[in-house]
Amino acid sequence: MSETEKITINLGLVDLGQIDLLVHEGFYTNRTDFIRTAIRNQLTAHAEAVNRTVARKALVLGLQNYTRQDLEKVRAAGERLQIQVLGLVTIADDVSPELALATIDSLLILGGLRASPAVKTALAGRIRSSA
């Protein structure tokens, strides 16, 4: 997945100075490179725990995309979705807030949600997320 999400972190000056020293010495190309590497190393170290939790909670790992046609089929079948994703959920721009409310019962998102502002507002009370 080539898309990224911007995050903000606060670091102490000593930690930041150490990162800058490692960048200056050529271990990393910049602060972002250091932070991404540190995060990837931690995710690798905890990969087994993540995999167990994903399996236990029946989470979809990666990208879950919902089109208007997908949600119309759900509505026609008289069903409602309980969406659980570790990654990114996208709801197509042509999905109306009414269709989203009629078909999406709950969302557990450990990652990000991409949807129109109107759909995000409509679903706000049904969304649990990591952010």
N, C-alpha and C. Protein backbone atom coordinates (compact mmCIF):
# COMPACT_ATOMS: atom_id res chain seq x y z
N MET A 1 0.85 -1.17 0.00
CA MET A 1 0.00 0.00 0.00
C MET A 1 0.90 1.23 0.00
N SER A 2 0.78 2.07 -1.00
CA SER A 2 1.67 3.19 -1.14
C SER A 2 1.21 4.42 -0.38
N GLU A 3 -0.04 4.49 0.03
CA GLU A 3 -0.52 5.65 0.75
C GLU A 3 0.00 5.64 2.17
N THR A 4 0.24 6.83 2.69
CA THR A 4 0.72 6.95 4.06
C THR A 4 -0.18 7.91 4.83
N GLU A 5 -0.09 7.85 6.12
CA GLU A 5 -0.84 8.73 7.01
C GLU A 5 0.17 9.52 7.83
N LYS A 6 -0.04 10.79 7.94
CA LYS A 6 0.86 11.65 8.70
C LYS A 6 0.50 11.58 10.17
N ILE A 7 1.53 11.41 11.01
CA ILE A 7 1.33 11.44 12.45
C ILE A 7 2.27 12.47 13.06
N THR A 8 1.95 12.91 14.24
CA THR A 8 2.79 13.86 14.96
C THR A 8 3.19 13.23 16.28
N ILE A 9 4.47 13.35 16.61
CA ILE A 9 4.94 12.83 17.90
C ILE A 9 5.73 13.92 18.61
N ASN A 10 5.75 13.84 19.91
CA ASN A 10 6.57 14.73 20.72
C ASN A 10 7.71 13.93 21.29
N LEU A 11 8.92 14.45 21.14
CA LEU A 11 10.12 13.79 21.66
C LEU A 11 10.86 14.76 22.57
N GLY A 12 11.54 14.18 23.54
CA GLY A 12 12.42 14.99 24.37
C GLY A 12 13.62 15.46 23.55
N LEU A 13 14.21 16.55 23.99
CA LEU A 13 15.34 17.11 23.25
C LEU A 13 16.54 16.19 23.20
N VAL A 14 16.76 15.42 24.25
CA VAL A 14 17.89 14.49 24.26
C VAL A 14 17.67 13.39 23.22
N ASP A 15 16.45 12.82 23.18
CA ASP A 15 16.14 11.80 22.17
C ASP A 15 16.27 12.37 20.77
N LEU A 16 15.74 13.55 20.56
CA LEU A 16 15.82 14.18 19.25
C LEU A 16 17.27 14.45 18.86
N GLY A 17 18.06 14.88 19.81
CA GLY A 17 19.48 15.12 19.54
C GLY A 17 20.21 13.84 19.14
N GLN A 18 19.86 12.74 19.79
CA GLN A 18 20.49 11.46 19.44
C GLN A 18 20.08 11.03 18.03
N ILE A 19 18.83 11.24 17.68
CA ILE A 19 18.38 10.92 16.33
C ILE A 19 19.14 11.78 15.32
N ASP A 20 19.24 13.06 15.60
CA ASP A 20 19.96 13.96 14.69
C ASP A 20 21.42 13.55 14.55
N LEU A 21 22.02 13.09 15.63
CA LEU A 21 23.42 12.63 15.57
C LEU A 21 23.54 11.42 14.64
N LEU A 22 22.62 10.46 14.76
CA LEU A 22 22.64 9.28 13.89
C LEU A 22 22.41 9.66 12.43
N VAL A 23 21.56 10.63 12.19
CA VAL A 23 21.35 11.12 10.83
C VAL A 23 22.63 11.78 10.33
N HIS A 24 23.21 12.63 11.15
CA HIS A 24 24.44 13.33 10.76
C HIS A 24 25.57 12.35 10.46
N GLU A 25 25.62 11.26 11.20
CA GLU A 25 26.68 10.26 11.02
C GLU A 25 26.39 9.30 9.86
N GLY A 26 25.23 9.45 9.22
CA GLY A 26 24.93 8.66 8.04
C GLY A 26 24.22 7.34 8.28
N PHE A 27 23.82 7.07 9.51
CA PHE A 27 23.09 5.83 9.78
C PHE A 27 21.69 5.87 9.17
N TYR A 28 21.10 7.06 9.07
CA TYR A 28 19.77 7.25 8.51
C TYR A 28 19.81 8.48 7.60
N THR A 29 18.94 8.51 6.60
CA THR A 29 18.96 9.65 5.68
C THR A 29 18.34 10.91 6.29
N ASN A 30 17.39 10.71 7.20
CA ASN A 30 16.74 11.84 7.87
C ASN A 30 15.96 11.33 9.08
N ARG A 31 15.33 12.22 9.81
CA ARG A 31 14.57 11.84 11.01
C ARG A 31 13.44 10.86 10.66
N THR A 32 12.77 11.11 9.56
CA THR A 32 11.66 10.25 9.15
C THR A 32 12.15 8.82 8.90
N ASP A 33 13.28 8.69 8.25
CA ASP A 33 13.87 7.37 7.99
C ASP A 33 14.13 6.64 9.31
N PHE A 34 14.68 7.34 10.29
CA PHE A 34 14.93 6.75 11.61
C PHE A 34 13.62 6.29 12.26
N ILE A 35 12.62 7.16 12.25
CA ILE A 35 11.34 6.85 12.93
C ILE A 35 10.64 5.69 12.24
N ARG A 36 10.61 5.69 10.91
CA ARG A 36 9.99 4.56 10.18
C ARG A 36 10.72 3.25 10.49
N THR A 37 12.04 3.30 10.52
CA THR A 37 12.82 2.09 10.82
C THR A 37 12.52 1.61 12.24
N ALA A 38 12.47 2.52 13.19
CA ALA A 38 12.17 2.14 14.57
C ALA A 38 10.78 1.52 14.69
N ILE A 39 9.82 2.10 14.01
CA ILE A 39 8.45 1.56 14.04
C ILE A 39 8.40 0.18 13.40
N ARG A 40 9.04 0.02 12.25
CA ARG A 40 9.05 -1.30 11.59
C ARG A 40 9.72 -2.35 12.47
N ASN A 41 10.81 -1.97 13.14
CA ASN A 41 11.48 -2.91 14.04
C ASN A 41 10.56 -3.33 15.18
N GLN A 42 9.82 -2.40 15.73
CA GLN A 42 8.89 -2.74 16.82
C GLN A 42 7.75 -3.62 16.30
N LEU A 43 7.24 -3.31 15.12
CA LEU A 43 6.17 -4.14 14.55
C LEU A 43 6.67 -5.56 14.26
N THR A 44 7.90 -5.67 13.80
CA THR A 44 8.49 -7.00 13.57
C THR A 44 8.64 -7.74 14.89
N ALA A 45 9.09 -7.04 15.92
CA ALA A 45 9.28 -7.66 17.23
C ALA A 45 7.96 -8.16 17.82
N HIS A 46 6.87 -7.49 17.48
CA HIS A 46 5.56 -7.84 18.04
C HIS A 46 4.64 -8.50 17.02
N ALA A 47 5.19 -8.96 15.91
CA ALA A 47 4.38 -9.52 14.82
C ALA A 47 3.53 -10.70 15.27
N GLU A 48 4.08 -11.56 16.10
CA GLU A 48 3.32 -12.73 16.55
C GLU A 48 2.10 -12.31 17.37
N ALA A 49 2.28 -11.33 18.25
CA ALA A 49 1.16 -10.84 19.06
C ALA A 49 0.10 -10.20 18.16
N VAL A 50 0.52 -9.44 17.15
CA VAL A 50 -0.42 -8.82 16.21
C VAL A 50 -1.19 -9.90 15.47
N ASN A 51 -0.50 -10.91 14.97
CA ASN A 51 -1.16 -11.98 14.23
C ASN A 51 -2.16 -12.75 15.09
N ARG A 52 -1.80 -13.02 16.35
CA ARG A 52 -2.74 -13.71 17.25
C ARG A 52 -3.98 -12.87 17.50
N THR A 53 -3.78 -11.57 17.70
CA THR A 53 -4.91 -10.68 17.96
C THR A 53 -5.79 -10.54 16.74
N VAL A 54 -5.21 -10.42 15.56
CA VAL A 54 -5.99 -10.34 14.33
C VAL A 54 -6.85 -11.58 14.18
N ALA A 55 -6.29 -12.74 14.41
CA ALA A 55 -7.05 -13.98 14.30
C ALA A 55 -8.14 -14.06 15.36
N ARG A 56 -7.82 -13.69 16.59
CA ARG A 56 -8.79 -13.77 17.69
C ARG A 56 -9.95 -12.81 17.49
N LYS A 57 -9.69 -11.64 16.99
CA LYS A 57 -10.73 -10.63 16.84
C LYS A 57 -11.37 -10.64 15.45
N ALA A 58 -10.95 -11.56 14.59
CA ALA A 58 -11.47 -11.66 13.23
C ALA A 58 -11.36 -10.33 12.49
N LEU A 59 -10.20 -9.71 12.59
CA LEU A 59 -9.95 -8.45 11.89
C LEU A 59 -9.51 -8.71 10.45
N VAL A 60 -9.95 -7.85 9.55
CA VAL A 60 -9.42 -7.86 8.19
C VAL A 60 -8.10 -7.11 8.25
N LEU A 61 -7.07 -7.71 7.69
CA LEU A 61 -5.74 -7.11 7.72
C LEU A 61 -5.46 -6.48 6.36
N GLY A 62 -5.26 -5.16 6.33
CA GLY A 62 -4.94 -4.48 5.08
C GLY A 62 -5.99 -3.47 4.69
N LEU A 63 -6.40 -3.53 3.43
CA LEU A 63 -7.34 -2.57 2.87
C LEU A 63 -8.71 -3.20 2.71
N GLN A 64 -9.74 -2.52 3.18
CA GLN A 64 -11.13 -2.96 2.99
C GLN A 64 -11.88 -1.82 2.33
N ASN A 65 -12.33 -2.05 1.11
CA ASN A 65 -13.00 -1.02 0.33
C ASN A 65 -14.48 -1.35 0.18
N TYR A 66 -15.34 -0.34 0.37
CA TYR A 66 -16.77 -0.51 0.21
C TYR A 66 -17.27 0.46 -0.85
N THR A 67 -17.86 -0.09 -1.91
CA THR A 67 -18.45 0.73 -2.96
C THR A 67 -19.94 0.91 -2.70
N ARG A 68 -20.55 1.81 -3.44
CA ARG A 68 -21.99 2.00 -3.32
C ARG A 68 -22.70 0.69 -3.67
N GLN A 69 -22.22 0.00 -4.70
CA GLN A 69 -22.83 -1.27 -5.11
C GLN A 69 -22.73 -2.32 -4.01
N ASP A 70 -21.59 -2.37 -3.33
CA ASP A 70 -21.43 -3.32 -2.21
C ASP A 70 -22.48 -3.07 -1.14
N LEU A 71 -22.63 -1.81 -0.77
CA LEU A 71 -23.57 -1.48 0.31
C LEU A 71 -25.02 -1.63 -0.13
N GLU A 72 -25.30 -1.39 -1.39
CA GLU A 72 -26.67 -1.61 -1.88
C GLU A 72 -27.03 -3.09 -1.83
N LYS A 73 -26.07 -3.97 -2.12
CA LYS A 73 -26.31 -5.42 -2.01
C LYS A 73 -26.57 -5.81 -0.57
N VAL A 74 -25.82 -5.23 0.36
CA VAL A 74 -26.03 -5.51 1.78
C VAL A 74 -27.43 -5.08 2.20
N ARG A 75 -27.83 -3.88 1.78
CA ARG A 75 -29.16 -3.37 2.12
C ARG A 75 -30.25 -4.25 1.51
N ALA A 76 -30.07 -4.67 0.25
CA ALA A 76 -31.06 -5.52 -0.42
C ALA A 76 -31.21 -6.87 0.27
N ALA A 77 -30.14 -7.36 0.86
CA ALA A 77 -30.18 -8.64 1.58
C ALA A 77 -30.71 -8.48 3.00
N GLY A 78 -30.97 -7.24 3.40
CA GLY A 78 -31.47 -6.99 4.76
C GLY A 78 -30.41 -7.21 5.83
N GLU A 79 -29.17 -7.07 5.46
CA GLU A 79 -28.07 -7.30 6.39
C GLU A 79 -27.46 -5.99 6.84
N ARG A 80 -26.62 -6.08 7.87
CA ARG A 80 -25.87 -4.92 8.37
C ARG A 80 -24.44 -5.39 8.64
N LEU A 81 -23.49 -4.51 8.38
CA LEU A 81 -22.08 -4.85 8.51
C LEU A 81 -21.51 -4.44 9.86
N GLN A 82 -20.68 -5.30 10.41
CA GLN A 82 -19.83 -4.97 11.55
C GLN A 82 -18.40 -5.03 10.99
N ILE A 83 -17.88 -3.88 10.65
CA ILE A 83 -16.58 -3.79 9.98
C ILE A 83 -15.47 -3.74 11.03
N GLN A 84 -14.48 -4.64 10.89
CA GLN A 84 -13.33 -4.67 11.80
C GLN A 84 -12.08 -4.79 10.94
N VAL A 85 -11.28 -3.73 10.92
CA VAL A 85 -10.12 -3.68 10.03
C VAL A 85 -8.89 -3.18 10.77
N LEU A 86 -7.78 -3.85 10.52
CA LEU A 86 -6.48 -3.37 10.93
C LEU A 86 -5.81 -2.91 9.63
N GLY A 87 -5.86 -1.63 9.37
CA GLY A 87 -5.34 -1.09 8.12
C GLY A 87 -6.15 0.11 7.70
N LEU A 88 -6.73 0.04 6.51
CA LEU A 88 -7.46 1.18 5.95
C LEU A 88 -8.83 0.73 5.47
N VAL A 89 -9.87 1.46 5.86
CA VAL A 89 -11.22 1.28 5.35
C VAL A 89 -11.52 2.46 4.44
N THR A 90 -11.98 2.16 3.22
CA THR A 90 -12.42 3.22 2.32
C THR A 90 -13.88 2.98 1.98
N ILE A 91 -14.62 4.07 2.01
CA ILE A 91 -16.02 4.05 1.60
C ILE A 91 -16.11 5.02 0.43
N ALA A 92 -16.58 4.52 -0.70
CA ALA A 92 -16.59 5.30 -1.94
C ALA A 92 -17.30 6.63 -1.77
N ASP A 93 -16.85 7.62 -2.54
CA ASP A 93 -17.41 8.97 -2.45
C ASP A 93 -18.88 9.04 -2.83
N ASP A 94 -19.36 8.09 -3.64
CA ASP A 94 -20.77 8.13 -4.05
C ASP A 94 -21.71 7.43 -3.08
N VAL A 95 -21.18 6.98 -1.92
CA VAL A 95 -22.03 6.39 -0.88
C VAL A 95 -22.66 7.53 -0.09
N SER A 96 -23.98 7.52 -0.01
CA SER A 96 -24.68 8.57 0.74
C SER A 96 -24.63 8.26 2.23
N PRO A 97 -24.77 9.29 3.06
CA PRO A 97 -24.84 9.06 4.50
C PRO A 97 -26.00 8.12 4.87
N GLU A 98 -27.11 8.23 4.17
CA GLU A 98 -28.26 7.37 4.44
C GLU A 98 -27.96 5.91 4.16
N LEU A 99 -27.28 5.64 3.04
CA LEU A 99 -26.91 4.26 2.71
C LEU A 99 -25.92 3.72 3.73
N ALA A 100 -24.96 4.53 4.12
CA ALA A 100 -23.97 4.09 5.12
C ALA A 100 -24.67 3.75 6.44
N LEU A 101 -25.57 4.59 6.88
CA LEU A 101 -26.29 4.34 8.14
C LEU A 101 -27.18 3.11 8.06
N ALA A 102 -27.75 2.86 6.89
CA ALA A 102 -28.64 1.72 6.72
C ALA A 102 -27.90 0.39 6.68
N THR A 103 -26.61 0.42 6.37
CA THR A 103 -25.89 -0.83 6.14
C THR A 103 -24.71 -1.09 7.07
N ILE A 104 -24.20 -0.05 7.72
CA ILE A 104 -23.03 -0.22 8.58
C ILE A 104 -23.45 -0.05 10.03
N ASP A 105 -23.39 -1.17 10.76
CA ASP A 105 -23.81 -1.18 12.16
C ASP A 105 -22.70 -0.67 13.07
N SER A 106 -21.45 -1.06 12.78
CA SER A 106 -20.33 -0.62 13.62
C SER A 106 -19.03 -0.73 12.83
N LEU A 107 -18.05 0.06 13.25
CA LEU A 107 -16.72 0.02 12.65
C LEU A 107 -15.68 0.02 13.76
N LEU A 108 -14.79 -0.95 13.72
CA LEU A 108 -13.60 -0.97 14.57
C LEU A 108 -12.44 -0.81 13.61
N ILE A 109 -11.78 0.32 13.69
CA ILE A 109 -10.71 0.61 12.74
C ILE A 109 -9.43 0.87 13.51
N LEU A 110 -8.46 0.01 13.28
CA LEU A 110 -7.13 0.20 13.82
C LEU A 110 -6.27 0.61 12.64
N GLY A 111 -6.28 1.87 12.35
CA GLY A 111 -5.60 2.40 11.18
C GLY A 111 -6.28 3.67 10.73
N GLY A 112 -6.91 3.63 9.55
CA GLY A 112 -7.51 4.84 9.03
C GLY A 112 -8.82 4.59 8.31
N LEU A 113 -9.61 5.66 8.19
CA LEU A 113 -10.88 5.63 7.48
C LEU A 113 -10.87 6.73 6.44
N ARG A 114 -11.14 6.36 5.20
CA ARG A 114 -11.29 7.34 4.12
C ARG A 114 -12.73 7.27 3.65
N ALA A 115 -13.43 8.36 3.82
CA ALA A 115 -14.83 8.47 3.39
C ALA A 115 -15.14 9.96 3.27
N SER A 116 -16.26 10.26 2.65
CA SER A 116 -16.64 11.67 2.53
C SER A 116 -16.90 12.24 3.92
N PRO A 117 -16.74 13.54 4.09
CA PRO A 117 -17.04 14.15 5.39
C PRO A 117 -18.46 13.87 5.86
N ALA A 118 -19.42 13.84 4.94
CA ALA A 118 -20.82 13.59 5.31
C ALA A 118 -20.99 12.17 5.86
N VAL A 119 -20.34 11.19 5.23
CA VAL A 119 -20.44 9.80 5.69
C VAL A 119 -19.72 9.66 7.04
N LYS A 120 -18.56 10.28 7.19
CA LYS A 120 -17.86 10.22 8.48
C LYS A 120 -18.71 10.82 9.59
N THR A 121 -19.35 11.93 9.31
CA THR A 121 -20.23 12.56 10.31
C THR A 121 -21.40 11.65 10.65
N ALA A 122 -22.03 11.07 9.64
CA ALA A 122 -23.18 10.18 9.86
C ALA A 122 -22.79 8.97 10.70
N LEU A 123 -21.60 8.42 10.47
CA LEU A 123 -21.17 7.19 11.16
C LEU A 123 -20.41 7.47 12.46
N ALA A 124 -20.20 8.71 12.81
CA ALA A 124 -19.33 9.06 13.95
C ALA A 124 -19.66 8.27 15.22
N GLY A 125 -20.91 8.08 15.52
CA GLY A 125 -21.29 7.36 16.73
C GLY A 125 -21.10 5.85 16.66
N ARG A 126 -20.78 5.36 15.49
CA ARG A 126 -20.60 3.91 15.30
C ARG A 126 -19.13 3.51 15.11
N ILE A 127 -18.24 4.50 15.13
CA ILE A 127 -16.83 4.25 14.84
C ILE A 127 -16.02 4.17 16.12
N ARG A 128 -15.26 3.08 16.24
CA ARG A 128 -14.23 2.96 17.27
C ARG A 128 -12.91 2.88 16.51
N SER A 129 -11.93 3.67 16.89
CA SER A 129 -10.68 3.67 16.14
C SER A 129 -9.49 3.79 17.08
N SER A 130 -8.31 3.67 16.46
CA SER A 130 -7.07 3.78 17.21
C SER A 130 -6.63 5.22 17.35
N ALA A 131 -7.18 6.10 16.57
CA ALA A 131 -6.73 7.50 16.60
C ALA A 131 -7.65 8.36 17.42
